[in-house]
Structure formats: structure tokens, C-alpha cells
Amino acid sequence: GLLLPDALQRDAGSAAATTLDAIEPWELSPPGCDAHRALAREAVAKSCVLLRNQASTLPISDETQSGRLIVTGCGAHDLGVQCGGWSMQWQGCSGNAFTLGTTLFDGVRAIRPDAEHFDTQAFRDAFGSAGADGRRASLCRGDVVLVCTGEKPYVEGGGDTLDLTMAETELVRAAAACGATVIVVLLCGRPLVIQPDVLQLMDALLVAWLPGTQGEGVADLLFGAKPVTGKLSFSWPTSNAQAKLAERSAGPLFPFGFGLSLPTKATD
């Protein structure tokens, strides 16, 4: 490697020490301060990638959502899923007790206080199958179901798998069968395989990656408070057979650089 002369090392060390001595402790922003969180929220909004937006479903407005707004899925209200691995613990955490932050549902509810949260099982019970009377709860086209799904936190070998198929597809199927508008937010650190028939049931698909503690950055895009500008930094596989990047040269689901754009929603 490159070795710096002793004199240059001493000069650099002296300059750094002088700079640090000039900074008073109270001038350093504490980790997690409002300024840091605002910057993280901005980074989340700029990194999300919109892969599908049928009939201008996004941004959510009074035209697309005249009825209920239901938020469900394993990542709907879980900071652990949002943060992924290498967070408070090596393999990541689950739930909301290990750190402060805003979940996706928190971000949505801050904009639409009437939004409802159903955990995965509660949504299955309510809309996924017929009840004892043989009837299934119904939704209408004016209702919007926001399915926030993805992967459980992992790092290194903890995430090794031969099956990258998107989880909780039954939520998408159930919401679509009930007649609701279906918006899917994917929380993942890698591309997940989306079954073709499931993709067709999605009115909109937004990849939010791992937004960390700032779920409101995703909500900003869903409601048009910020523009959608993100693009894919790799091609997206059509199947598990294309899990390796080299296998996607012929016909990926979405090509490298793909990403739909949306401007900020006009306000009165």
C-alpha cells in the first residue's frame, strides 16, 4: 500500500486535532436528531423505485381512494422489517421496541388519520376466506389496500435461499378478489420474484428497499408529497432461474435503469 511520509502524517494529524479542538461538544448533532431523521426521510424518498402504476393509481388521492384505506402485510407496522440486518443486532430485529422510528403505517396515518391497520392474520381472517355463514367480507373499488411485504431481516448466510418468490401473495389475491385497489410496497434488500398473475393483480408496485426508521419517506411518495425519481441499479428477475444477474441478459422482468417517474401532486 501507499506509505505517507512521516512529516505529512504529522501535518495531517495536527490539522485534524486543530479542527476537532475548534468544535465545541454542543455543536455536534446527536445521532438520531431531527436533522438526521429529516435527511434520512429524504434519502428514502429518493431511493424508492416505482415499477407499476396502472391507471395512475399513485399518488393516492380522493379519486383513487374514496372509501377505506387498509394497510397490511408483514412490513406494514414493523421497524425491524424496515431496518433489515446489521441494525441493532447482527441478524436484525423484529417489532418496534428496539429503536425509535416511524413505520409505514405511522407514515400513512399521519397523512390519512382514518387509515386502518390489519396484521397479516387479521386480514386473512377478514377478507381471505368465507366465514361460518359462507360469506366473505367485501371491499369496493373505492377502497385501497396497501400490502407492505418483503423479507424478514437477515445478513450473510442467514439470507441464503434458492427461492426468492415474494411472500404474502395471498394478501394481494384476497384484496383484488374483494374488488379493492391494490398497492404493493416491497421491503427488501434484493429483487424478489413476482409471479406473473400476482403482478397483474397489482394496481401499483413500489420498491422501498429497506427504509430504516423513516417510513414516512415512503408515505411521502404514496400521497404525492415528494416526486418519485428512483431507478433500478440492476435488472429484475422474472423467476428464480434468473436469480443470478448473469442469467437476466435475456428478458428480465424490468431492465437495468427502469423506474416510473411521478411528479409531486399539485395542491390547491
Protein backbone atom coordinates (compact mmCIF):
# COMPACT_ATOMS: atom_id res chain seq x y z
CA GLY A 1 0.00 0.00 0.00
CA LEU A 2 0.93 3.67 -0.21
CA LEU A 3 3.00 4.97 2.72
CA LEU A 4 2.84 8.68 3.55
CA PRO A 5 5.99 10.45 4.68
CA ASP A 6 6.25 10.97 8.44
CA ALA A 7 6.13 14.75 8.06
CA LEU A 8 2.93 14.60 6.03
CA GLN A 9 1.32 12.25 8.55
CA ARG A 10 2.22 14.64 11.38
CA ASP A 11 0.82 17.63 9.47
CA ALA A 12 -2.44 15.79 8.74
CA GLY A 13 -2.81 14.69 12.36
CA SER A 14 -2.11 18.19 13.62
CA ALA A 15 -4.70 19.71 11.25
CA ALA A 16 -7.34 17.17 12.31
CA ALA A 17 -6.66 17.77 16.01
CA THR A 18 -6.88 21.54 15.49
CA THR A 19 -10.21 21.19 13.70
CA LEU A 20 -11.67 18.95 16.40
CA ASP A 21 -10.43 21.27 19.15
CA ALA A 22 -12.29 24.13 17.46
CA ILE A 23 -15.61 22.27 17.67
CA GLU A 24 -17.46 22.55 20.94
CA PRO A 25 -19.25 19.36 22.08
CA TRP A 26 -22.65 21.05 21.94
CA GLU A 27 -22.09 21.88 18.27
CA LEU A 28 -22.13 18.20 17.29
CA SER A 29 -25.58 16.93 16.35
CA PRO A 30 -26.54 13.90 18.47
CA PRO A 31 -27.29 10.73 16.49
CA GLY A 32 -30.98 10.48 15.66
CA CYS A 33 -31.64 14.19 15.95
CA ASP A 34 -34.37 15.84 13.89
CA ALA A 35 -31.90 16.96 11.21
CA HIS A 36 -30.59 13.41 10.77
CA ARG A 37 -34.08 11.96 10.53
CA ALA A 38 -35.15 14.60 8.00
CA LEU A 39 -32.14 13.73 5.83
CA ALA A 40 -32.88 10.00 6.15
CA ARG A 41 -36.51 10.62 5.17
CA GLU A 42 -35.32 12.45 2.06
CA ALA A 43 -32.94 9.60 1.19
CA VAL A 44 -35.77 7.07 1.49
CA ALA A 45 -37.97 9.04 -0.90
CA LYS A 46 -35.18 9.40 -3.46
CA SER A 47 -34.24 5.71 -3.42
CA CYS A 48 -37.68 4.10 -3.90
CA VAL A 49 -38.42 2.72 -7.37
CA LEU A 50 -41.91 2.63 -8.91
CA LEU A 51 -42.28 -0.47 -11.10
CA ARG A 52 -46.00 -0.39 -11.86
CA ASN A 53 -48.72 2.26 -11.77
CA GLN A 54 -51.85 1.24 -13.63
CA ALA A 55 -54.41 3.93 -14.38
CA SER A 56 -52.41 6.48 -12.35
CA THR A 57 -53.17 4.72 -9.08
CA LEU A 58 -50.40 6.68 -7.42
CA PRO A 59 -50.32 9.13 -5.90
CA ILE A 60 -53.26 8.17 -3.69
CA SER A 61 -55.95 10.81 -3.93
CA ASP A 62 -59.65 11.26 -3.32
CA GLU A 63 -60.18 9.95 -6.86
CA THR A 64 -58.32 6.67 -6.22
CA GLN A 65 -59.42 6.26 -2.60
CA SER A 66 -62.97 7.28 -1.84
CA GLY A 67 -63.53 4.54 0.73
CA ARG A 68 -61.41 2.67 3.25
CA LEU A 69 -57.61 2.69 3.32
CA ILE A 70 -56.29 -0.56 4.77
CA VAL A 71 -52.59 -1.17 5.46
CA THR A 72 -51.49 -4.78 5.92
CA GLY A 73 -48.59 -7.17 5.47
CA CYS A 74 -45.54 -8.20 7.48
CA GLY A 75 -43.84 -4.84 6.86
CA ALA A 76 -46.80 -2.58 7.49
CA HIS A 77 -46.03 -1.76 11.10
CA ASP A 78 -42.61 -3.24 11.88
CA LEU A 79 -39.40 -1.24 12.20
CA GLY A 80 -37.38 -4.45 12.27
CA VAL A 81 -38.51 -5.39 8.77
CA GLN A 82 -37.82 -1.84 7.58
CA CYS A 83 -34.30 -1.81 9.02
CA GLY A 84 -33.20 -5.29 7.93
CA GLY A 85 -29.95 -6.84 9.10
CA TRP A 86 -26.92 -5.05 10.50
CA SER A 87 -29.17 -2.82 12.56
CA MET A 88 -29.49 -3.07 16.34
CA GLN A 89 -28.47 -6.72 16.15
CA TRP A 90 -26.36 -8.67 13.67
CA GLN A 91 -29.26 -10.55 12.04
CA GLY A 92 -31.66 -7.68 12.62
CA CYS A 93 -34.69 -7.47 14.88
CA SER A 94 -38.45 -7.67 14.66
CA GLY A 95 -41.10 -5.38 16.06
CA ASN A 96 -40.90 -1.77 17.19
CA ALA A 97 -39.42 -1.97 20.69
CA PHE A 98 -35.70 -1.92 19.80
CA THR A 99 -35.43 1.60 18.36
CA LEU A 100 -37.33 4.81 17.69
CA GLY A 101 -38.77 5.48 14.28
CA THR A 102 -41.80 5.70 12.04
CA THR A 103 -43.34 2.61 10.48
CA LEU A 104 -45.03 2.67 7.10
CA PHE A 105 -48.42 2.60 8.79
CA ASP A 106 -47.39 5.50 11.04
CA GLY A 107 -46.40 7.49 7.96
CA VAL A 108 -49.65 6.72 6.18
CA ARG A 109 -51.75 7.50 9.24
CA ALA A 110 -50.01 10.86 9.66
CA ILE A 111 -51.45 11.82 6.27
CA ARG A 112 -54.70 9.84 6.43
CA PRO A 113 -55.74 9.51 10.09
CA ASP A 114 -58.60 7.20 9.10
CA ALA A 115 -56.21 4.54 7.73
CA GLU A 116 -56.74 1.09 9.25
CA HIS A 117 -54.05 -1.44 10.13
CA PHE A 118 -54.70 -5.18 9.81
CA ASP A 119 -51.89 -7.56 10.68
CA THR A 120 -51.45 -10.37 8.18
CA GLN A 121 -53.56 -12.91 10.01
CA ALA A 122 -56.34 -10.43 10.75
CA PHE A 123 -56.53 -9.52 7.07
CA ARG A 124 -56.63 -13.18 6.08
CA ASP A 125 -59.43 -13.80 8.56
CA ALA A 126 -61.44 -10.79 7.44
CA PHE A 127 -61.02 -10.90 3.67
CA GLY A 128 -59.17 -14.05 2.70
CA SER A 129 -61.84 -16.70 3.15
CA ALA A 130 -65.53 -17.12 3.73
CA GLY A 131 -66.83 -17.03 7.27
CA ALA A 132 -69.09 -19.51 9.02
CA ASP A 133 -72.06 -18.17 7.07
CA GLY A 134 -70.28 -18.82 3.78
CA ARG A 135 -69.81 -15.13 3.07
CA ARG A 136 -66.59 -13.17 2.77
CA ALA A 137 -66.09 -9.59 3.86
CA SER A 138 -66.14 -7.31 0.85
CA LEU A 139 -64.34 -4.21 -0.28
CA CYS A 140 -65.22 -1.94 -3.17
CA ARG A 141 -63.25 -0.21 -5.91
CA GLY A 142 -63.09 2.97 -3.88
CA ASP A 143 -61.25 1.10 -1.13
CA VAL A 144 -57.46 0.86 -1.22
CA VAL A 145 -55.42 -1.98 0.27
CA LEU A 146 -51.77 -1.21 0.83
CA VAL A 147 -49.86 -4.51 1.08
CA CYS A 148 -46.45 -3.93 2.67
CA THR A 149 -44.49 -7.13 2.35
CA GLY A 150 -40.96 -8.37 1.82
CA GLU A 151 -38.34 -10.37 3.67
CA LYS A 152 -37.52 -10.95 7.29
CA PRO A 153 -34.23 -9.35 8.39
CA TYR A 154 -31.07 -11.30 7.54
CA VAL A 155 -27.37 -10.88 6.84
CA GLU A 156 -24.75 -13.05 5.17
CA GLY A 157 -25.63 -16.76 5.25
CA GLY A 158 -28.82 -16.06 7.19
CA GLY A 159 -30.45 -14.96 3.97
CA ASP A 160 -29.26 -17.79 1.72
CA THR A 161 -32.17 -19.27 -0.19
CA LEU A 162 -32.98 -20.88 -3.52
CA ASP A 163 -36.45 -19.33 -3.52
CA LEU A 164 -36.76 -15.56 -3.85
CA THR A 165 -40.51 -15.58 -4.51
CA MET A 166 -42.34 -12.63 -2.97
CA ALA A 167 -44.17 -13.56 0.23
CA GLU A 168 -47.78 -12.95 1.24
CA THR A 169 -49.16 -13.14 -2.28
CA GLU A 170 -52.41 -14.36 -0.75
CA LEU A 171 -52.99 -10.84 0.58
CA VAL A 172 -52.75 -9.42 -2.93
CA ARG A 173 -55.10 -12.09 -4.27
CA ALA A 174 -57.63 -11.57 -1.48
CA ALA A 175 -57.66 -7.79 -1.82
CA ALA A 176 -58.08 -8.00 -5.58
CA ALA A 177 -60.82 -10.61 -5.25
CA CYS A 178 -62.69 -8.27 -2.92
CA GLY A 179 -62.64 -5.54 -5.55
CA ALA A 180 -60.20 -3.12 -3.91
CA THR A 181 -57.39 -1.13 -5.47
CA VAL A 182 -54.16 -2.98 -4.59
CA ILE A 183 -50.90 -1.13 -3.95
CA VAL A 184 -47.87 -3.22 -3.03
CA VAL A 185 -44.81 -1.84 -1.23
CA LEU A 186 -41.85 -4.21 -1.29
CA LEU A 187 -39.36 -4.10 1.59
CA CYS A 188 -36.26 -5.98 0.52
CA GLY A 189 -32.52 -5.76 0.08
CA ARG A 190 -32.54 -7.71 -3.17
CA PRO A 191 -35.01 -8.28 -6.03
CA LEU A 192 -37.82 -10.70 -5.27
CA VAL A 193 -39.53 -12.90 -7.81
CA ILE A 194 -43.07 -11.75 -8.55
CA GLN A 195 -45.40 -14.31 -10.05
CA PRO A 196 -46.89 -13.01 -13.33
CA ASP A 197 -50.52 -13.49 -12.27
CA VAL A 198 -49.85 -11.70 -8.97
CA LEU A 199 -48.19 -8.79 -10.77
CA GLN A 200 -51.29 -8.38 -12.91
CA LEU A 201 -53.41 -8.02 -9.77
CA MET A 202 -51.33 -5.08 -8.55
CA ASP A 203 -52.55 -1.61 -9.45
CA ALA A 204 -49.24 -0.17 -8.27
CA LEU A 205 -45.89 -1.62 -7.16
CA LEU A 206 -43.33 0.46 -5.27
CA VAL A 207 -39.99 -0.99 -4.18
CA ALA A 208 -38.96 0.76 -0.96
CA TRP A 209 -35.89 -1.43 -0.25
CA LEU A 210 -35.04 -1.05 3.47
CA PRO A 211 -36.18 2.42 4.54
CA GLY A 212 -34.87 2.06 8.09
CA THR A 213 -36.59 4.14 10.73
CA GLN A 214 -38.15 6.64 8.35
CA GLY A 215 -41.30 5.03 6.99
CA GLU A 216 -42.80 8.44 6.31
CA GLY A 217 -40.36 8.79 3.41
CA VAL A 218 -42.35 6.07 1.64
CA ALA A 219 -45.67 7.66 2.59
CA ASP A 220 -44.46 10.94 1.05
CA LEU A 221 -44.34 9.16 -2.32
CA LEU A 222 -47.60 7.28 -1.92
CA PHE A 223 -49.50 10.53 -1.45
CA GLY A 224 -47.50 12.72 -3.82
CA ALA A 225 -45.80 14.92 -1.24
CA LYS A 226 -42.47 14.10 -2.93
CA PRO A 227 -41.72 13.10 -6.54
CA VAL A 228 -40.84 9.53 -7.47
CA THR A 229 -37.47 9.53 -9.26
CA GLY A 230 -35.68 6.27 -8.35
CA LYS A 231 -34.32 3.86 -10.98
CA LEU A 232 -33.21 0.24 -10.75
CA SER A 233 -29.47 -0.25 -10.29
CA PHE A 234 -29.81 -3.80 -11.65
CA SER A 235 -32.24 -5.77 -13.77
CA TRP A 236 -35.16 -7.53 -12.04
CA PRO A 237 -35.53 -11.33 -12.45
CA THR A 238 -38.59 -12.95 -13.96
CA SER A 239 -38.11 -16.19 -11.99
CA ASN A 240 -35.80 -17.97 -9.57
CA ALA A 241 -33.91 -19.25 -12.61
CA GLN A 242 -32.74 -15.65 -13.10
CA ALA A 243 -31.56 -15.19 -9.51
CA LYS A 244 -28.00 -14.79 -10.79
CA LEU A 245 -27.52 -11.46 -12.53
CA ALA A 246 -25.79 -13.12 -15.47
CA GLU A 247 -28.97 -15.08 -16.22
CA ARG A 248 -31.02 -11.91 -16.76
CA SER A 249 -29.38 -10.84 -20.01
CA ALA A 250 -32.32 -12.30 -21.93
CA GLY A 251 -35.65 -10.91 -20.86
CA PRO A 252 -35.61 -9.62 -17.26
CA LEU A 253 -38.94 -8.58 -15.77
CA PHE A 254 -37.68 -4.99 -15.53
CA PRO A 255 -34.41 -3.85 -17.14
CA PHE A 256 -31.49 -2.04 -15.57
CA GLY A 257 -32.33 1.65 -15.12
CA PHE A 258 -36.10 1.13 -15.19
CA GLY A 259 -38.31 3.19 -12.94
CA LEU A 260 -41.51 5.13 -13.49
CA SER A 261 -41.47 8.80 -12.54
CA LEU A 262 -44.16 10.77 -10.76
CA PRO A 263 -44.15 14.49 -10.05
CA THR A 264 -45.21 15.98 -6.77
CA LYS A 265 -49.01 16.08 -6.56
CA ALA A 266 -50.43 19.52 -7.27
CA THR A 267 -52.17 21.13 -4.30
CA ASP A 268 -54.91 23.69 -4.29
